[in-house]
Protein backbone atom coordinates (compact mmCIF):
# COMPACT_ATOMS: atom_id res chain seq x y z
CA MET A 1 -30.18 -8.98 21.83
CA LYS A 2 -28.09 -6.24 19.29
CA THR A 3 -28.62 -6.12 15.91
CA TRP A 4 -25.55 -6.76 14.27
CA THR A 5 -24.79 -3.95 11.04
CA LEU A 6 -22.80 -5.53 8.11
CA GLY A 7 -20.23 -2.88 9.20
CA GLU A 8 -19.95 -4.95 12.75
CA THR A 9 -18.72 -8.48 11.23
CA TYR A 10 -15.55 -7.10 11.41
CA SER A 11 -15.49 -6.42 15.26
CA SER A 12 -13.11 -8.83 16.04
CA VAL A 13 -16.32 -8.80 19.27
CA ARG A 14 -18.06 -11.07 16.60
CA PRO A 15 -21.50 -12.32 17.42
CA PHE A 16 -20.65 -16.02 17.18
CA ARG A 17 -18.00 -15.04 20.17
CA ILE A 18 -20.57 -13.68 22.22
CA GLU A 19 -22.77 -16.59 21.03
CA VAL A 20 -20.40 -19.07 23.16
CA MET A 21 -20.59 -17.40 26.31
CA ARG A 22 -23.68 -17.07 26.70
CA ARG A 23 -24.15 -21.19 25.56
CA LEU A 24 -22.25 -20.96 28.77
CA GLY A 25 -24.86 -19.84 30.74
CA PHE A 26 -23.79 -16.22 30.90
CA THR A 27 -26.56 -12.92 30.28
CA ASP A 28 -26.37 -11.46 27.05
CA ARG A 29 -24.34 -8.31 28.71
CA GLN A 30 -22.49 -10.79 30.34
CA ALA A 31 -21.59 -12.35 27.50
CA GLU A 32 -20.56 -9.82 25.18
CA PHE A 33 -18.09 -8.15 28.01
CA LEU A 34 -16.29 -11.41 28.37
CA ALA A 35 -15.88 -11.90 24.80
CA TYR A 36 -13.62 -8.24 24.72
CA VAL A 37 -11.68 -9.42 27.43
CA LEU A 38 -11.13 -12.36 26.00
CA VAL A 39 -9.93 -10.84 22.30
CA PHE A 40 -8.83 -7.77 23.96
CA SER A 41 -6.87 -8.02 27.32
CA GLY A 42 -7.61 -11.71 29.07
CA VAL A 43 -7.55 -9.26 32.07
CA PHE A 44 -10.11 -7.30 33.64
CA MET A 45 -11.32 -5.36 37.00
CA GLU A 46 -14.52 -5.31 38.61
CA ARG A 47 -15.17 -1.88 38.09
CA GLN A 48 -14.76 -2.51 34.17
CA TYR A 49 -17.58 -4.68 34.31
CA CYS A 50 -19.72 -2.20 36.78
CA ARG A 51 -19.56 -0.04 33.75
CA PHE A 52 -20.22 -2.09 30.67
CA ALA A 53 -23.45 -3.76 32.81
CA GLY A 54 -24.56 -0.52 33.67
CA LEU A 55 -23.89 -1.76 37.63
CA THR A 56 -22.01 -0.60 40.91
CA HIS A 57 -20.53 -3.50 43.00
CA GLY A 58 -23.02 -4.90 44.29
CA ARG A 59 -24.54 -8.67 44.63
CA LYS A 60 -25.14 -9.38 40.83
CA SER A 61 -21.38 -7.88 39.80
CA VAL A 62 -19.88 -9.92 43.42
CA ASP A 63 -22.15 -13.37 41.83
CA PHE A 64 -20.66 -12.49 37.95
CA LEU A 65 -17.13 -12.84 39.42
CA GLN A 66 -17.02 -15.37 41.49
CA THR A 67 -18.78 -17.36 39.24
CA LEU A 68 -15.64 -17.13 37.18
CA VAL A 69 -13.69 -18.49 39.78
CA ASP A 70 -14.93 -21.38 40.93
CA ARG A 71 -15.68 -22.91 37.14
CA GLY A 72 -12.09 -22.23 37.27
CA TYR A 73 -12.10 -19.73 33.98
CA ALA A 74 -10.23 -17.10 36.19
CA ARG A 75 -7.87 -16.65 38.90
CA VAL A 76 -7.58 -13.53 40.84
CA VAL A 77 -4.07 -11.10 40.66
CA ALA A 78 -4.46 -8.78 44.19
CA PRO A 79 -1.88 -6.87 43.99
CA GLY A 80 -3.68 -4.74 45.96
CA LYS A 81 -6.79 -3.41 47.88
CA ALA A 82 -9.62 -5.76 47.80
CA HIS A 83 -11.67 -4.79 45.22
CA SER A 84 -9.63 -1.29 43.83
CA GLY A 85 -6.74 -3.32 43.66
CA ARG A 86 -7.47 -6.65 41.99
CA PHE A 87 -8.77 -7.86 38.95
CA TYR A 88 -9.20 -11.07 37.23
CA HIS A 89 -7.52 -13.63 34.28
CA LEU A 90 -9.18 -15.48 32.16
CA HIS A 91 -7.12 -18.50 31.75
CA TYR A 92 -9.16 -21.48 31.30
CA LYS A 93 -7.54 -22.43 27.80
CA PRO A 94 -11.15 -23.94 26.30
CA LEU A 95 -12.73 -20.33 26.28
CA TYR A 96 -10.06 -19.13 23.75
CA GLU A 97 -10.22 -22.95 21.93
CA ALA A 98 -14.11 -21.93 22.25
CA ILE A 99 -14.05 -18.43 20.23
CA ARG A 100 -11.50 -20.06 17.89
CA LEU A 101 -8.75 -18.06 19.24
CA PRO A 102 -7.12 -21.68 20.64
CA ASN A 103 -3.16 -19.79 20.61
CA SER A 104 -4.36 -16.57 22.39
CA ARG A 105 -1.55 -15.52 24.50
CA HIS A 106 -3.76 -14.06 26.28
CA ARG A 107 -4.86 -16.59 28.55
CA ARG A 108 -0.56 -16.70 29.47
CA ARG A 109 0.31 -15.28 33.03
CA VAL A 110 2.76 -12.43 31.75
CA THR A 111 4.19 -9.47 34.64
CA LEU A 112 2.32 -7.78 36.62
CA GLY A 113 3.50 -4.54 34.10
CA ARG A 114 2.07 -6.28 31.11
CA PHE A 115 -1.57 -7.30 32.47
CA ILE A 116 -2.27 -3.42 33.39
CA GLU A 117 -1.11 -2.55 30.17
CA ARG A 118 -3.82 -4.88 29.13
CA LEU A 119 -6.33 -3.60 31.30
CA MET A 120 -6.02 -0.21 29.35
CA LEU A 121 -6.19 -0.87 26.61
CA LEU A 122 -9.66 -2.85 27.80
CA ASP A 123 -10.02 0.65 28.96
CA ILE A 124 -9.83 1.83 25.28
CA VAL A 125 -12.05 -0.33 23.89
CA LEU A 126 -14.79 -0.69 26.10
CA GLY A 127 -14.47 3.86 26.79
CA ASP A 128 -15.37 3.91 22.19
CA GLN A 129 -18.45 2.36 21.72
CA LYS A 130 -18.89 4.72 18.31
CA HIS A 131 -16.36 1.82 16.06
CA CYS A 132 -16.51 -1.76 16.26
CA TRP A 133 -12.93 -2.80 17.26
CA MET A 134 -10.30 -5.20 15.64
CA GLY A 135 -8.17 -7.16 18.18
CA THR A 136 -6.39 -10.29 16.61
CA GLU A 137 -3.98 -10.64 13.78
CA THR A 138 -6.10 -12.71 11.83
CA ASP A 139 -9.38 -10.26 11.97
CA LYS A 140 -6.81 -7.49 11.05
CA VAL A 141 -4.97 -9.09 7.88
CA GLY A 142 -8.69 -10.58 7.01
CA TYR A 143 -9.97 -7.10 7.31
CA PHE A 144 -7.64 -5.40 4.99
CA ARG A 145 -7.08 -8.26 2.84
CA LYS A 146 -11.00 -7.37 1.56
CA LEU A 147 -10.51 -3.56 1.56
CA ASP A 148 -10.34 -1.71 -2.07
CA GLU A 149 -8.60 1.33 -1.67
CA HIS A 150 -7.91 3.51 -4.19
CA GLY A 151 -9.17 0.88 -6.79
CA ARG A 152 -6.86 -1.45 -5.75
CA THR A 153 -6.90 -4.56 -2.92
CA LEU A 154 -4.31 -4.25 -0.24
CA ARG A 155 -1.83 -6.96 -0.37
CA ASP A 156 0.36 -8.18 2.53
CA ASP A 157 3.23 -6.13 2.21
CA ASP A 158 1.49 -2.85 2.76
CA PHE A 159 0.67 -4.25 6.74
CA PRO A 160 3.32 -3.47 9.48
CA ARG A 161 4.76 -7.25 9.93
CA VAL A 162 7.76 -8.46 11.80
CA VAL A 163 9.44 -11.45 9.70
CA PHE A 164 11.54 -14.49 11.74
CA GLY A 165 13.99 -16.88 10.45
CA THR A 166 14.37 -17.25 7.03
CA GLY A 167 13.83 -20.05 4.02
CA ASP A 168 11.39 -22.67 4.91
CA ARG A 169 11.33 -21.85 8.37
CA ARG A 170 10.13 -17.80 7.62
CA THR A 171 7.53 -16.46 9.85
CA THR A 172 5.47 -13.30 9.39
CA ARG A 173 3.95 -11.84 11.94
CA TYR A 174 1.40 -8.79 10.92
CA PHE A 175 0.49 -5.78 13.20
CA PRO A 176 3.53 -7.17 15.58
CA ASP A 177 2.65 -3.83 18.28
CA LYS A 178 -0.98 -5.93 19.26
CA LEU A 179 -3.10 -2.81 19.41
CA PRO A 180 -6.63 -2.19 18.40
CA ILE A 181 -7.80 -0.75 15.07
CA GLY A 182 -11.55 0.77 15.23
CA ILE A 183 -13.43 0.66 12.69
CA SER A 184 -17.57 2.57 11.59
CA PRO A 185 -19.94 0.56 11.95
CA GLU A 186 -21.20 2.26 8.49
CA TYR A 187 -18.38 2.09 5.06
CA GLY A 188 -16.44 4.98 3.97
CA HIS A 189 -15.43 6.23 7.91
CA ARG A 190 -12.25 6.20 9.16
CA LEU A 191 -10.16 4.04 10.85
CA VAL A 192 -8.18 5.00 14.47
CA PHE A 193 -5.43 3.25 15.21
CA VAL A 194 -3.85 3.45 18.83
CA PHE A 195 -1.40 3.80 19.74
CA LEU A 196 -1.00 2.88 23.88
CA VAL A 197 2.13 5.28 25.41
CA ARG A 198 4.54 3.27 27.81
CA GLN A 199 7.17 5.51 28.09
CA PRO A 200 7.66 9.40 28.00
CA SER A 201 10.23 8.94 25.08
CA PRO A 202 8.71 8.61 22.02
CA THR A 203 10.69 5.89 20.15
CA GLU A 204 7.98 3.00 20.37
CA PHE A 205 5.94 5.91 18.59
CA ARG A 206 8.05 6.46 15.83
CA ILE A 207 8.40 2.79 15.46
CA PHE A 208 4.87 2.34 15.43
CA LEU A 209 4.39 5.24 12.43
CA ALA A 210 7.69 3.41 10.75
CA ARG A 211 5.31 0.08 10.41
CA HIS A 212 2.38 0.97 9.96
CA ALA A 213 3.47 4.76 7.00
CA GLU A 214 2.20 1.97 3.99
CA LEU A 215 -0.54 0.88 5.82
CA LEU A 216 -1.71 4.35 6.35
CA SER A 217 -0.63 5.74 2.83
CA SER A 218 -2.90 2.88 1.13
CA VAL A 219 -6.58 3.50 3.21
CA PHE A 220 -8.48 6.59 2.35
CA GLU A 221 -9.17 8.32 5.61
CA TRP A 222 -7.37 7.33 9.11
CA THR A 223 -6.74 8.63 12.71
CA ILE A 224 -3.40 8.11 15.23
CA ARG A 225 -4.89 8.43 18.72
CA ILE A 226 -2.17 8.58 20.90
CA VAL A 227 -3.51 7.75 24.13
CA PHE A 228 -1.73 7.84 27.32
CA PRO A 229 -1.55 7.02 30.76
CA ARG A 230 -1.91 10.69 33.48
CA ARG A 231 1.52 9.60 34.26
CA PHE A 232 3.38 10.03 30.70
CA TRP A 233 0.66 13.11 30.00
CA LYS A 234 3.73 15.44 29.96
CA ALA A 235 4.79 13.13 27.16
CA LYS A 236 2.50 14.44 24.69
CA ASN A 237 4.09 17.06 22.79
CA LEU A 238 6.89 15.27 22.18
CA HIS A 239 4.46 12.12 20.78
CA VAL A 240 3.06 14.92 18.94
CA TRP A 241 7.16 16.76 17.59
CA ALA A 242 7.11 13.15 16.53
CA PHE A 243 4.51 12.62 14.50
CA ARG A 244 5.04 15.43 12.51
CA ASP A 245 8.64 15.15 12.07
CA ASP A 246 7.86 11.82 10.61
CA LEU A 247 5.46 12.04 9.02
CA THR A 248 4.48 15.42 7.48
CA LYS A 249 8.78 16.35 6.52
CA GLN A 250 9.07 14.62 2.86
CA LEU A 251 12.62 13.45 2.43
CA ARG A 252 14.53 13.72 -1.06
CA HIS A 253 14.76 10.56 -3.53
CA SER A 254 18.72 10.82 -3.13
CA VAL A 255 18.09 10.94 0.76
CA VAL A 256 16.19 7.81 0.98
CA GLU A 257 18.93 6.03 -1.44
CA GLU A 258 22.02 7.11 0.72
CA PHE A 259 19.99 5.78 3.55
CA ARG A 260 19.66 2.27 2.39
CA ASN A 261 22.97 1.79 1.07
CA TYR A 262 24.30 3.18 4.61
CA LEU A 263 21.45 0.02 5.46
CA GLU A 264 23.05 -2.04 3.34
CA ALA A 265 26.38 -1.63 4.26
CA LYS A 266 25.54 -1.58 8.44
CA HIS A 267 24.45 -5.64 8.07
CA LYS A 268 24.82 -6.84 4.77
CA PRO A 269 28.89 -5.99 4.64
CA ASP A 270 28.86 -9.11 2.16
CA ALA A 271 26.80 -7.00 -0.68
CA VAL A 272 29.57 -4.49 -1.13
CA THR A 273 33.02 -3.62 -1.77
CA PRO A 274 35.09 -2.99 0.97
CA ASP A 275 35.67 0.36 -0.24
CA ALA A 276 32.23 1.12 -1.04
CA ARG A 277 30.69 0.44 2.76
CA ALA A 278 33.20 1.79 4.37
CA ARG A 279 32.67 5.16 2.75
CA ALA A 280 28.90 4.76 3.08
CA LEU A 281 29.19 3.98 7.28
CA THR A 282 31.42 7.08 7.34
CA GLU A 283 29.31 9.40 5.41
CA GLY A 284 26.09 7.69 7.03
CA ALA A 285 26.79 7.33 10.82
CA LYS A 286 27.00 10.93 11.53
CA ARG A 287 23.54 11.77 8.95
CA PHE A 288 21.51 8.98 9.90
CA GLU A 289 21.54 9.22 13.60
CA SER A 290 18.30 10.85 14.51
CA ALA A 291 15.92 9.01 16.24
CA ARG A 292 13.63 9.40 12.90
CA PHE A 293 15.87 7.36 10.94
CA GLN A 294 17.21 4.77 14.14
CA ALA A 295 13.52 3.83 13.72
CA LEU A 296 13.20 3.50 10.30
CA GLU A 297 16.83 0.87 10.55
CA ARG A 298 14.56 -1.13 13.41
CA VAL A 299 11.92 -1.96 10.97
CA TRP A 300 14.17 -2.69 8.34
CA LEU A 301 15.59 -4.56 10.51
CA GLU A 302 12.07 -6.97 11.70
CA GLY A 303 11.38 -7.09 7.45
CA GLY A 304 9.70 -4.07 6.39
CA PRO A 305 10.03 -2.73 3.37
CA THR A 306 13.48 -2.30 1.66
CA ASP A 307 12.71 0.40 -0.78
CA PHE A 308 11.12 2.55 2.43
CA PRO A 309 9.07 4.01 -0.21
CA GLN A 310 7.11 5.86 2.55
CA LEU A 311 10.15 8.20 2.84
CA TYR A 312 9.34 9.96 -0.77
CA MET A 313 5.80 9.59 -1.34
CA SER A 314 3.32 12.23 -1.24
CA THR A 315 0.26 10.44 0.13
CA ILE A 316 0.49 10.89 3.67
CA GLN A 317 1.26 14.81 3.42
CA GLU A 318 -2.29 14.77 0.84
CA GLN A 319 -4.48 12.79 3.49
CA LEU A 320 -2.47 15.65 6.65
CA ARG A 321 -3.74 18.34 4.29
CA LEU A 322 -7.33 17.15 3.11
CA LYS A 323 -7.78 16.12 7.02
CA ARG A 324 -8.62 12.52 6.07
CA GLY A 325 -5.12 11.46 7.88
CA GLN A 326 -5.38 13.02 11.46
CA ILE A 327 -3.87 13.08 14.56
CA GLU A 328 -5.41 12.91 18.34
CA VAL A 329 -4.34 12.57 22.01
CA MET A 330 -6.43 11.41 24.39
CA VAL A 331 -5.79 10.61 28.71
CA LEU A 332 -6.77 7.58 30.19
CA PRO A 333 -9.44 8.64 33.05
CA HIS A 334 -8.34 6.31 35.16
CA LYS A 335 -5.33 5.04 37.45
CA TYR A 336 -2.79 2.47 37.51
CA LEU A 337 -0.40 3.19 39.46
CA HIS A 338 -2.38 1.66 43.10
CA LEU A 339 -2.05 -1.51 41.25
CA SER A 340 1.71 -2.09 41.18
CA ALA A 341 4.92 -0.13 42.17
CA LEU A 342 6.93 -1.12 39.03
CA ALA A 343 8.78 1.24 37.99
CA GLY A 344 7.69 2.21 34.17
CA VAL A 345 4.10 1.14 35.31
CA ALA A 346 1.59 4.04 34.45
């Protein structure tokens, strides 16, 4: 049986979640695999299970899949050929309740394109066993709330977030991108923030960077891992350039102040005089039309920091200079086009 280190207790694939699956009659390897699926994707392919368990397609893998279907734990989704063109969706609500994820959206039916994205995320975490992976909002928030960096405890305001509603109906969703974050089994090592490319344009990536800027500047070491499906590999240079444009070019404080005034005038007209609003809109319309500012405006509207301190702080630039902040790119080794002919699905 696997021995868990202290650092691994922060993983979303926690021992108690594996034990729940084991008590249902699954082997140690099957139980651990199912815990990964429930936390990170809700769906899986036979090849993913076989690779994880060290098997080839045969009686053992077929029996495992049939057990899940016969018990009503999983349904078959078959958009393509048998075996290679089908996957399995773990939809049985009591499974999620048993691992303390009763409200997980992984059990719900979604579009085929979204299912395939989740298969990619599962490939990412299963393909890197050097890190323990956090997949749920609760686990991520719990980890970072306990993290003591630079002599201070991280605050909720440091986390990427989206805010819905106002007043008593105000709800905050942390880590809204729902992407895995890797941590070392030992203390003192860098964090890995995964970004899965879903379109050639780096627009979504810029929003991801803007949401995470506060958190990146607050932790000691980090890596942004950009993961490309094969069909989007040609967009690598665009994403690397966006990273450098957004995180290595420091803006003057005066520019940040003008940008904030522009946003206030554009989205909160009652907060400024008509003359100030007209002047801010006229001057800002062209000055802040770049992709970098558009991403920041999106984050600001969704509930991000209103002061944009990340635009003029030097912390991230210093992290990059000291190699405590890094970027890496990788391409997924598997093909997914055979699962769907939908436009935009890798």
